Structure formats: structure tokens, C-alpha cells
N, C-alpha and C. Protein backbone atom coordinates (compact mmCIF):
# COMPACT_ATOMS: atom_id res chain seq x y z
N MET A 1 14.07 22.79 -47.18
CA MET A 1 14.28 22.97 -45.76
C MET A 1 13.56 21.85 -45.02
N ASN A 2 14.31 21.09 -44.23
CA ASN A 2 13.75 19.98 -43.45
C ASN A 2 13.27 20.47 -42.11
N SER A 3 12.08 20.11 -41.78
CA SER A 3 11.51 20.49 -40.48
C SER A 3 11.44 19.24 -39.61
N SER A 4 11.72 19.40 -38.32
CA SER A 4 11.66 18.26 -37.41
C SER A 4 10.24 17.98 -36.93
N LYS A 5 9.31 18.87 -37.23
CA LYS A 5 7.93 18.66 -36.82
C LYS A 5 7.28 17.63 -37.73
N PRO A 6 6.45 16.74 -37.16
CA PRO A 6 5.76 15.77 -38.02
C PRO A 6 4.73 16.46 -38.90
N LYS A 7 4.51 15.89 -40.06
CA LYS A 7 3.51 16.42 -40.97
C LYS A 7 2.12 16.13 -40.42
N ILE A 8 1.13 16.87 -40.90
CA ILE A 8 -0.25 16.70 -40.44
C ILE A 8 -0.72 15.27 -40.63
N SER A 9 -0.40 14.65 -41.76
CA SER A 9 -0.84 13.27 -42.01
C SER A 9 -0.21 12.31 -41.01
N GLU A 10 1.03 12.55 -40.60
CA GLU A 10 1.69 11.70 -39.61
C GLU A 10 1.00 11.87 -38.24
N LYS A 11 0.63 13.09 -37.90
CA LYS A 11 -0.07 13.34 -36.63
C LYS A 11 -1.40 12.61 -36.61
N ASN A 12 -2.15 12.67 -37.72
CA ASN A 12 -3.44 12.00 -37.80
C ASN A 12 -3.30 10.48 -37.68
N THR A 13 -2.28 9.92 -38.31
CA THR A 13 -2.03 8.49 -38.24
C THR A 13 -1.72 8.09 -36.80
N LEU A 14 -0.91 8.88 -36.13
CA LEU A 14 -0.56 8.60 -34.74
C LEU A 14 -1.79 8.68 -33.84
N LYS A 15 -2.63 9.70 -34.04
CA LYS A 15 -3.86 9.84 -33.25
C LYS A 15 -4.77 8.63 -33.45
N LYS A 16 -4.91 8.17 -34.70
CA LYS A 16 -5.76 7.01 -34.99
C LYS A 16 -5.21 5.76 -34.31
N THR A 17 -3.90 5.60 -34.35
CA THR A 17 -3.27 4.43 -33.74
C THR A 17 -3.49 4.45 -32.23
N VAL A 18 -3.26 5.59 -31.61
CA VAL A 18 -3.44 5.71 -30.17
C VAL A 18 -4.89 5.49 -29.78
N SER A 19 -5.82 6.03 -30.56
CA SER A 19 -7.24 5.88 -30.22
C SER A 19 -7.71 4.44 -30.35
N LYS A 20 -7.03 3.62 -31.15
CA LYS A 20 -7.39 2.22 -31.30
C LYS A 20 -6.78 1.34 -30.20
N MET A 21 -5.82 1.88 -29.47
CA MET A 21 -5.16 1.11 -28.41
C MET A 21 -6.11 0.90 -27.24
N LYS A 22 -6.13 -0.31 -26.74
CA LYS A 22 -6.98 -0.63 -25.60
C LYS A 22 -6.20 -0.34 -24.33
N THR A 23 -6.88 0.25 -23.37
CA THR A 23 -6.24 0.49 -22.09
C THR A 23 -6.66 -0.62 -21.13
N HIS A 24 -5.82 -0.87 -20.13
CA HIS A 24 -6.08 -1.92 -19.16
C HIS A 24 -5.88 -1.37 -17.76
N THR A 25 -6.65 -1.88 -16.82
CA THR A 25 -6.45 -1.51 -15.43
C THR A 25 -5.26 -2.29 -14.89
N ILE A 26 -4.74 -1.84 -13.77
CA ILE A 26 -3.63 -2.55 -13.15
C ILE A 26 -4.06 -3.97 -12.75
N ASP A 27 -5.30 -4.12 -12.29
CA ASP A 27 -5.81 -5.44 -11.93
C ASP A 27 -5.84 -6.38 -13.14
N GLU A 28 -6.25 -5.85 -14.29
CA GLU A 28 -6.26 -6.67 -15.51
C GLU A 28 -4.85 -7.09 -15.90
N MET A 29 -3.90 -6.18 -15.75
CA MET A 29 -2.51 -6.49 -16.10
C MET A 29 -1.95 -7.55 -15.14
N ILE A 30 -2.23 -7.41 -13.86
CA ILE A 30 -1.74 -8.40 -12.89
C ILE A 30 -2.38 -9.75 -13.15
N ASP A 31 -3.69 -9.76 -13.42
CA ASP A 31 -4.38 -11.02 -13.76
C ASP A 31 -3.72 -11.69 -14.96
N ALA A 32 -3.41 -10.90 -15.98
CA ALA A 32 -2.85 -11.45 -17.23
C ALA A 32 -1.41 -11.93 -17.07
N PHE A 33 -0.59 -11.17 -16.34
CA PHE A 33 0.83 -11.48 -16.29
C PHE A 33 1.27 -12.24 -15.03
N VAL A 34 0.47 -12.21 -13.98
CA VAL A 34 0.83 -12.91 -12.75
C VAL A 34 -0.10 -14.09 -12.53
N GLY A 35 -1.39 -13.85 -12.65
CA GLY A 35 -2.39 -14.89 -12.43
C GLY A 35 -3.60 -14.29 -11.75
N LYS A 36 -4.72 -14.94 -11.92
CA LYS A 36 -5.96 -14.46 -11.32
C LYS A 36 -5.94 -14.71 -9.82
N LYS A 37 -6.77 -13.92 -9.09
CA LYS A 37 -6.89 -14.11 -7.64
C LYS A 37 -7.31 -15.55 -7.37
N GLY A 38 -6.72 -16.12 -6.35
CA GLY A 38 -7.02 -17.51 -6.00
C GLY A 38 -5.97 -18.49 -6.50
N THR A 39 -5.14 -18.06 -7.45
CA THR A 39 -4.09 -18.95 -7.94
C THR A 39 -2.87 -18.87 -7.02
N LYS A 40 -2.08 -19.91 -7.04
CA LYS A 40 -0.87 -19.96 -6.21
C LYS A 40 0.09 -18.83 -6.59
N GLU A 41 0.21 -18.57 -7.89
CA GLU A 41 1.11 -17.52 -8.36
C GLU A 41 0.67 -16.15 -7.86
N ARG A 42 -0.64 -15.90 -7.92
CA ARG A 42 -1.16 -14.60 -7.47
C ARG A 42 -0.98 -14.43 -5.97
N HIS A 43 -1.21 -15.50 -5.22
CA HIS A 43 -1.03 -15.44 -3.78
C HIS A 43 0.43 -15.09 -3.44
N ARG A 44 1.36 -15.74 -4.12
CA ARG A 44 2.79 -15.48 -3.90
C ARG A 44 3.12 -14.03 -4.24
N PHE A 45 2.61 -13.53 -5.36
CA PHE A 45 2.83 -12.15 -5.77
C PHE A 45 2.27 -11.17 -4.74
N ASP A 46 1.02 -11.38 -4.33
CA ASP A 46 0.38 -10.48 -3.35
C ASP A 46 1.15 -10.47 -2.03
N TYR A 47 1.60 -11.65 -1.60
CA TYR A 47 2.34 -11.75 -0.34
C TYR A 47 3.65 -10.97 -0.43
N LYS A 48 4.38 -11.17 -1.52
CA LYS A 48 5.65 -10.44 -1.68
C LYS A 48 5.43 -8.94 -1.74
N LEU A 49 4.36 -8.52 -2.39
CA LEU A 49 4.04 -7.10 -2.48
C LEU A 49 3.72 -6.55 -1.09
N GLU A 50 2.93 -7.28 -0.31
CA GLU A 50 2.59 -6.84 1.04
C GLU A 50 3.83 -6.75 1.92
N MET A 51 4.74 -7.71 1.79
CA MET A 51 5.98 -7.67 2.57
C MET A 51 6.85 -6.50 2.15
N ALA A 52 6.88 -6.19 0.86
CA ALA A 52 7.65 -5.04 0.38
C ALA A 52 7.06 -3.74 0.93
N LEU A 53 5.72 -3.65 0.95
CA LEU A 53 5.07 -2.46 1.51
C LEU A 53 5.34 -2.34 3.00
N LEU A 54 5.29 -3.44 3.72
CA LEU A 54 5.60 -3.43 5.14
C LEU A 54 7.03 -2.95 5.38
N GLY A 55 7.95 -3.48 4.61
CA GLY A 55 9.36 -3.07 4.72
C GLY A 55 9.54 -1.59 4.46
N SER A 56 8.85 -1.08 3.46
CA SER A 56 8.92 0.36 3.14
C SER A 56 8.35 1.20 4.27
N MET A 57 7.26 0.73 4.89
CA MET A 57 6.67 1.47 6.01
C MET A 57 7.61 1.51 7.20
N ILE A 58 8.24 0.38 7.49
CA ILE A 58 9.19 0.33 8.61
C ILE A 58 10.35 1.29 8.35
N LYS A 59 10.91 1.22 7.16
CA LYS A 59 12.04 2.08 6.82
C LYS A 59 11.65 3.55 6.88
N SER A 60 10.50 3.88 6.33
CA SER A 60 10.03 5.26 6.32
C SER A 60 9.83 5.79 7.74
N ALA A 61 9.19 4.98 8.59
CA ALA A 61 8.95 5.40 9.98
C ALA A 61 10.28 5.52 10.73
N ARG A 62 11.20 4.60 10.48
CA ARG A 62 12.51 4.66 11.14
C ARG A 62 13.26 5.93 10.78
N LYS A 63 13.24 6.26 9.50
CA LYS A 63 13.93 7.48 9.05
C LYS A 63 13.24 8.73 9.59
N LYS A 64 11.92 8.70 9.66
CA LYS A 64 11.18 9.84 10.20
C LYS A 64 11.56 10.08 11.67
N ARG A 65 11.87 9.00 12.37
CA ARG A 65 12.30 9.10 13.77
C ARG A 65 13.81 9.33 13.90
N ASN A 66 14.50 9.46 12.77
CA ASN A 66 15.95 9.68 12.74
C ASN A 66 16.72 8.59 13.50
N LEU A 67 16.34 7.36 13.23
CA LEU A 67 17.00 6.22 13.86
C LEU A 67 17.76 5.41 12.83
N THR A 68 18.85 4.81 13.26
CA THR A 68 19.55 3.85 12.41
C THR A 68 18.86 2.50 12.60
N GLN A 69 19.19 1.55 11.75
CA GLN A 69 18.64 0.21 11.93
C GLN A 69 19.09 -0.38 13.26
N GLU A 70 20.32 -0.12 13.62
CA GLU A 70 20.85 -0.65 14.88
C GLU A 70 20.12 -0.05 16.08
N GLN A 71 19.85 1.26 16.04
CA GLN A 71 19.12 1.89 17.14
C GLN A 71 17.70 1.34 17.24
N LEU A 72 17.04 1.17 16.11
CA LEU A 72 15.68 0.61 16.13
C LEU A 72 15.71 -0.82 16.67
N ALA A 73 16.69 -1.60 16.23
CA ALA A 73 16.80 -2.98 16.71
C ALA A 73 16.95 -3.02 18.22
N THR A 74 17.77 -2.15 18.75
CA THR A 74 17.97 -2.10 20.21
C THR A 74 16.67 -1.75 20.91
N LEU A 75 15.96 -0.73 20.41
CA LEU A 75 14.70 -0.32 21.02
C LEU A 75 13.64 -1.43 20.96
N ALA A 76 13.66 -2.21 19.89
CA ALA A 76 12.66 -3.27 19.70
C ALA A 76 13.11 -4.61 20.28
N GLY A 77 14.35 -4.69 20.74
CA GLY A 77 14.86 -5.95 21.29
C GLY A 77 15.10 -6.99 20.21
N LEU A 78 15.57 -6.53 19.06
CA LEU A 78 15.83 -7.42 17.92
C LEU A 78 17.26 -7.25 17.44
N GLN A 79 17.67 -8.13 16.56
CA GLN A 79 18.98 -7.99 15.91
C GLN A 79 18.86 -6.99 14.75
N LYS A 80 19.94 -6.24 14.50
CA LYS A 80 19.94 -5.29 13.38
C LYS A 80 19.65 -6.01 12.07
N SER A 81 20.15 -7.23 11.92
CA SER A 81 19.94 -7.98 10.68
C SER A 81 18.45 -8.23 10.43
N ARG A 82 17.67 -8.38 11.49
CA ARG A 82 16.22 -8.61 11.33
C ARG A 82 15.55 -7.36 10.77
N ILE A 83 15.94 -6.19 11.28
CA ILE A 83 15.40 -4.93 10.77
C ILE A 83 15.78 -4.77 9.29
N SER A 84 17.03 -5.04 8.99
CA SER A 84 17.50 -4.93 7.60
C SER A 84 16.72 -5.86 6.68
N LYS A 85 16.53 -7.10 7.09
CA LYS A 85 15.80 -8.07 6.27
C LYS A 85 14.36 -7.62 6.05
N LEU A 86 13.72 -7.11 7.10
CA LEU A 86 12.33 -6.65 6.95
C LEU A 86 12.25 -5.44 6.03
N GLU A 87 13.16 -4.51 6.17
CA GLU A 87 13.14 -3.32 5.32
C GLU A 87 13.42 -3.67 3.86
N ASN A 88 14.10 -4.77 3.65
CA ASN A 88 14.44 -5.19 2.28
C ASN A 88 13.59 -6.36 1.82
N SER A 89 12.33 -6.37 2.26
CA SER A 89 11.33 -7.33 1.80
C SER A 89 11.65 -8.77 2.13
N ALA A 90 11.93 -9.03 3.39
CA ALA A 90 12.14 -10.41 3.82
C ALA A 90 10.87 -11.21 3.56
N ASN A 91 10.98 -12.50 3.57
CA ASN A 91 9.84 -13.35 3.24
C ASN A 91 8.79 -13.46 4.32
N SER A 92 9.15 -13.20 5.57
CA SER A 92 8.15 -13.38 6.61
C SER A 92 8.48 -12.53 7.84
N ALA A 93 7.46 -12.31 8.63
CA ALA A 93 7.59 -11.62 9.91
C ALA A 93 6.40 -12.02 10.75
N THR A 94 6.63 -12.22 12.03
CA THR A 94 5.50 -12.53 12.89
C THR A 94 4.80 -11.23 13.26
N ILE A 95 3.54 -11.35 13.62
CA ILE A 95 2.79 -10.17 14.05
C ILE A 95 3.45 -9.57 15.28
N GLY A 96 3.94 -10.43 16.15
CA GLY A 96 4.63 -9.96 17.35
C GLY A 96 5.83 -9.10 17.03
N THR A 97 6.63 -9.51 16.06
CA THR A 97 7.80 -8.74 15.65
C THR A 97 7.38 -7.40 15.06
N ILE A 98 6.36 -7.41 14.23
CA ILE A 98 5.88 -6.18 13.61
C ILE A 98 5.38 -5.21 14.69
N ILE A 99 4.63 -5.72 15.64
CA ILE A 99 4.12 -4.87 16.72
C ILE A 99 5.28 -4.29 17.54
N ARG A 100 6.28 -5.12 17.86
CA ARG A 100 7.44 -4.62 18.63
C ARG A 100 8.16 -3.51 17.88
N ILE A 101 8.31 -3.66 16.58
CA ILE A 101 9.01 -2.64 15.79
C ILE A 101 8.23 -1.33 15.80
N PHE A 102 6.93 -1.41 15.53
CA PHE A 102 6.16 -0.17 15.48
C PHE A 102 5.97 0.46 16.85
N GLN A 103 5.94 -0.35 17.91
CA GLN A 103 5.92 0.22 19.26
C GLN A 103 7.22 0.96 19.54
N ALA A 104 8.34 0.37 19.14
CA ALA A 104 9.64 1.02 19.32
C ALA A 104 9.71 2.34 18.54
N LEU A 105 8.99 2.38 17.41
CA LEU A 105 8.95 3.60 16.58
C LEU A 105 7.91 4.60 17.08
N LYS A 106 7.18 4.20 18.14
CA LYS A 106 6.08 5.02 18.66
C LYS A 106 5.08 5.35 17.55
N ALA A 107 4.77 4.32 16.79
CA ALA A 107 3.84 4.45 15.67
C ALA A 107 2.63 3.54 15.91
N GLU A 108 1.47 4.02 15.53
CA GLU A 108 0.26 3.22 15.64
C GLU A 108 0.12 2.35 14.40
N ILE A 109 -0.34 1.14 14.61
CA ILE A 109 -0.66 0.29 13.47
C ILE A 109 -2.11 -0.17 13.63
N HIS A 110 -2.76 -0.39 12.52
CA HIS A 110 -4.16 -0.79 12.53
C HIS A 110 -4.31 -2.00 11.61
N PHE A 111 -5.06 -2.97 12.08
CA PHE A 111 -5.34 -4.16 11.27
C PHE A 111 -6.77 -4.08 10.78
N ASN A 112 -6.95 -4.33 9.52
CA ASN A 112 -8.30 -4.38 8.93
C ASN A 112 -8.51 -5.77 8.37
N VAL A 113 -9.60 -6.38 8.77
CA VAL A 113 -9.95 -7.70 8.27
C VAL A 113 -11.26 -7.58 7.51
N THR A 114 -11.29 -8.14 6.31
CA THR A 114 -12.52 -8.13 5.52
C THR A 114 -12.84 -9.56 5.09
N ILE A 115 -14.14 -9.83 5.02
CA ILE A 115 -14.61 -11.10 4.49
C ILE A 115 -15.62 -10.74 3.40
N ASN A 116 -15.36 -11.26 2.20
CA ASN A 116 -16.20 -10.94 1.05
C ASN A 116 -16.36 -9.42 0.90
N ARG A 117 -15.26 -8.72 1.04
CA ARG A 117 -15.20 -7.25 0.89
C ARG A 117 -15.97 -6.47 1.95
N GLN A 118 -16.39 -7.16 3.02
CA GLN A 118 -17.09 -6.52 4.11
C GLN A 118 -16.17 -6.45 5.32
N PRO A 119 -16.02 -5.27 5.94
CA PRO A 119 -15.16 -5.17 7.12
C PRO A 119 -15.69 -6.07 8.25
N LEU A 120 -14.78 -6.74 8.90
CA LEU A 120 -15.14 -7.61 10.00
C LEU A 120 -15.05 -6.80 11.30
N GLY A 121 -16.12 -6.76 12.03
CA GLY A 121 -16.14 -6.05 13.30
C GLY A 121 -15.86 -6.99 14.45
N ILE A 122 -15.58 -6.42 15.59
CA ILE A 122 -15.34 -7.21 16.80
C ILE A 122 -16.60 -7.16 17.64
N ASN A 123 -17.08 -8.33 18.01
CA ASN A 123 -18.30 -8.41 18.84
C ASN A 123 -17.97 -8.25 20.30
């Protein structure tokens, strides 16, 4: 009679193999596969990631307000294509455009600036 359950020796071998596997943090993986902080490749990766996150936030806020891209564009004084490009991770956006979009969405945005991991205050 064939059983589909692994034998005890197979389970032990699997446990030993898994216990020998090294785990890595996401930062270690990004350093290894994209590049360390300060490199041109890492800067490009971080920028694209930030733009993707910004696009997701715009889309999420727009949907929460039950607006179409065209309606948001009208409220913000922009072209629908600009909203679409931003929501789909466009390469750039001015701060002015971002502020206009979030004002049209009646959403608050906050900017945090840090230097050497220390928050920068306003004097």
C-alpha cells in the first residue's frame, strides 16, 4: 500500500535542509540584486518604487472618493492623461501637480525630510 505521506527520514532531511538555509532581509536582497544605497542603479530603483507608491496612493484616494480619472482631472485642472500616467507609475511629477491632485481629492499630504536618519524640523 503506497502512502502519499513522506516517510520520517524524508521529513528529517527536509527539516535539516530548511534549517541550513540562510534567510535575508528585504534590504539585503535589494542590495544584492539592485545595488547598494548610493549607486545609480539603486537610486533609479528607489525613485521608480516611490513613483509607483505615489501612483497607488492617488488611485486609492480617487476610488475612495468615487471619482473617475476624468472627474479628478477636471477638479485638479489637469488632463485625464496626466492622472492616468501618474496612477500607472509615470516617471515624474512636480510637487505642484501632486499638491493639486491631493487638494482636489480633499486629502492631506505630509512631507517628511530626514538628514542622516534625523527628522528635519522647520526653524
